[in-house]
C-alpha cells in the first residue's frame, strides 16, 4: 500500500515538476522563504526540496528502467540475455560481435 502511494506521488510529481508551473512554484517558494527568513530560510528550503525531488525522480526512473527491461526480455525469448548487465564487459562485447 505504501509502495503504491509512493509510486503515485512519484508519477504526479514527475509530471508537475517537468512543467512550467512546477518550475514557477519552486522559484516562488524560494522567493517566499528568502523574503520571510533571509538566506538561511531559502537555503534550508532549497536543500529539503532538492532532496525530495531527487528521491521522487529516482523512484520514477527505477520504475521506468524495470518496465524497459521487462519489454526487452519479452522481445528476446530463447536468448541468453538474462542478467546481461551483471556480466563482464568483455563477455558483452563477445556476445554482440558474434
Protein backbone atom coordinates (compact mmCIF):
# COMPACT_ATOMS: atom_id res chain seq x y z
CA UNK A 1 0.00 0.00 0.00
CA UNK A 2 2.80 2.44 0.84
CA UNK A 3 4.66 1.47 -2.32
CA UNK A 4 1.59 2.21 -4.44
CA UNK A 5 1.17 5.61 -2.73
CA UNK A 6 4.85 6.42 -3.32
CA UNK A 7 4.58 5.39 -6.98
CA UNK A 8 1.52 7.57 -7.47
CA UNK A 9 3.20 10.52 -5.74
CA UNK A 10 6.34 9.99 -7.79
CA UNK A 11 4.45 9.94 -11.10
CA UNK A 12 2.42 13.03 -10.23
CA UNK A 13 5.50 14.92 -9.02
CA UNK A 14 7.44 13.98 -12.13
CA UNK A 15 4.71 15.34 -14.39
CA UNK A 16 4.24 18.51 -12.34
CA UNK A 17 7.95 19.32 -11.88
CA UNK A 18 8.62 18.88 -15.59
CA UNK A 19 6.07 21.59 -16.39
CA UNK A 20 6.38 25.36 -16.39
CA UNK A 21 4.12 25.57 -13.32
CA UNK A 22 6.34 23.24 -11.35
CA UNK A 23 9.38 25.37 -12.02
CA UNK A 24 7.50 28.57 -11.15
CA UNK A 25 6.22 27.10 -7.88
CA UNK A 26 9.73 26.14 -6.79
CA UNK A 27 11.06 29.61 -7.63
CA UNK A 28 8.11 31.20 -5.79
CA UNK A 29 8.86 29.04 -2.74
CA UNK A 30 12.49 30.15 -2.76
CA UNK A 31 11.50 33.82 -3.06
CA UNK A 32 8.92 33.47 -0.27
CA UNK A 33 11.42 31.77 2.06
CA UNK A 34 14.02 34.42 1.28
CA UNK A 35 11.62 37.27 1.98
CA UNK A 36 10.43 35.71 5.27
CA UNK A 37 13.65 34.26 6.74
CA UNK A 38 16.52 35.57 4.61
CA UNK A 39 19.15 33.35 3.04
CA UNK A 40 19.03 30.83 5.89
CA UNK A 41 15.38 30.02 5.23
CA UNK A 42 15.82 29.94 1.47
CA UNK A 43 18.89 27.73 1.83
CA UNK A 44 17.02 25.21 4.00
CA UNK A 45 14.08 25.23 1.60
CA UNK A 46 16.36 24.53 -1.37
CA UNK A 47 18.07 21.63 0.41
CA UNK A 48 14.82 20.00 1.55
CA UNK A 49 13.03 20.42 -1.78
CA UNK A 50 16.12 19.25 -3.67
CA UNK A 51 16.38 16.09 -1.57
CA UNK A 52 12.68 15.27 -2.02
CA UNK A 53 12.77 15.89 -5.76
CA UNK A 54 15.82 13.66 -6.21
CA UNK A 55 14.22 10.85 -4.17
CA UNK A 56 10.97 11.03 -6.15
CA UNK A 57 12.67 11.18 -9.55
CA UNK A 58 14.97 8.27 -8.74
CA UNK A 59 11.90 6.21 -7.87
CA UNK A 60 10.27 7.12 -11.17
CA UNK A 61 13.45 6.35 -13.13
CA UNK A 62 13.88 2.97 -11.46
CA UNK A 63 10.31 2.01 -12.31
CA UNK A 64 10.79 3.08 -15.94
CA UNK A 65 14.01 1.05 -16.20
CA UNK A 66 12.25 -2.05 -14.88
CA UNK A 67 9.50 -1.62 -17.46
CA UNK A 68 12.01 -1.27 -20.30
CA UNK A 69 13.89 -4.37 -19.16
CA UNK A 70 10.65 -6.36 -18.98
CA UNK A 71 9.77 -5.31 -22.53
CA UNK A 72 13.22 -6.23 -23.83
CA UNK A 73 13.08 -9.59 -22.06
CA UNK A 74 9.74 -10.29 -23.73
CA UNK A 75 11.18 -9.40 -27.14
CA UNK A 76 14.14 -11.78 -26.87
CA UNK A 77 12.83 -15.21 -25.84
CA UNK A 78 15.33 -18.04 -26.04
CA UNK A 79 18.39 -15.83 -26.00
CA UNK A 80 20.86 -15.99 -23.15
CA UNK A 81 20.39 -12.37 -22.14
CA UNK A 82 19.39 -12.88 -18.52
CA UNK A 83 21.33 -10.64 -16.16
CA UNK A 84 23.38 -9.28 -19.05
CA UNK A 85 24.10 -6.05 -17.18
CA UNK A 86 25.87 -8.05 -14.45
CA UNK A 87 28.30 -9.74 -16.83
CA UNK A 88 31.80 -8.57 -17.60
CA UNK A 89 32.18 -6.00 -20.34
CA UNK A 90 34.33 -8.43 -22.37
CA UNK A 91 31.53 -11.04 -22.34
CA UNK A 92 29.00 -8.48 -23.52
CA UNK A 93 31.26 -7.41 -26.41
CA UNK A 94 31.78 -11.07 -27.42
CA UNK A 95 28.01 -11.66 -27.50
CA UNK A 96 27.48 -8.51 -29.52
CA UNK A 97 30.16 -9.32 -32.07
CA UNK A 98 29.06 -12.77 -32.79
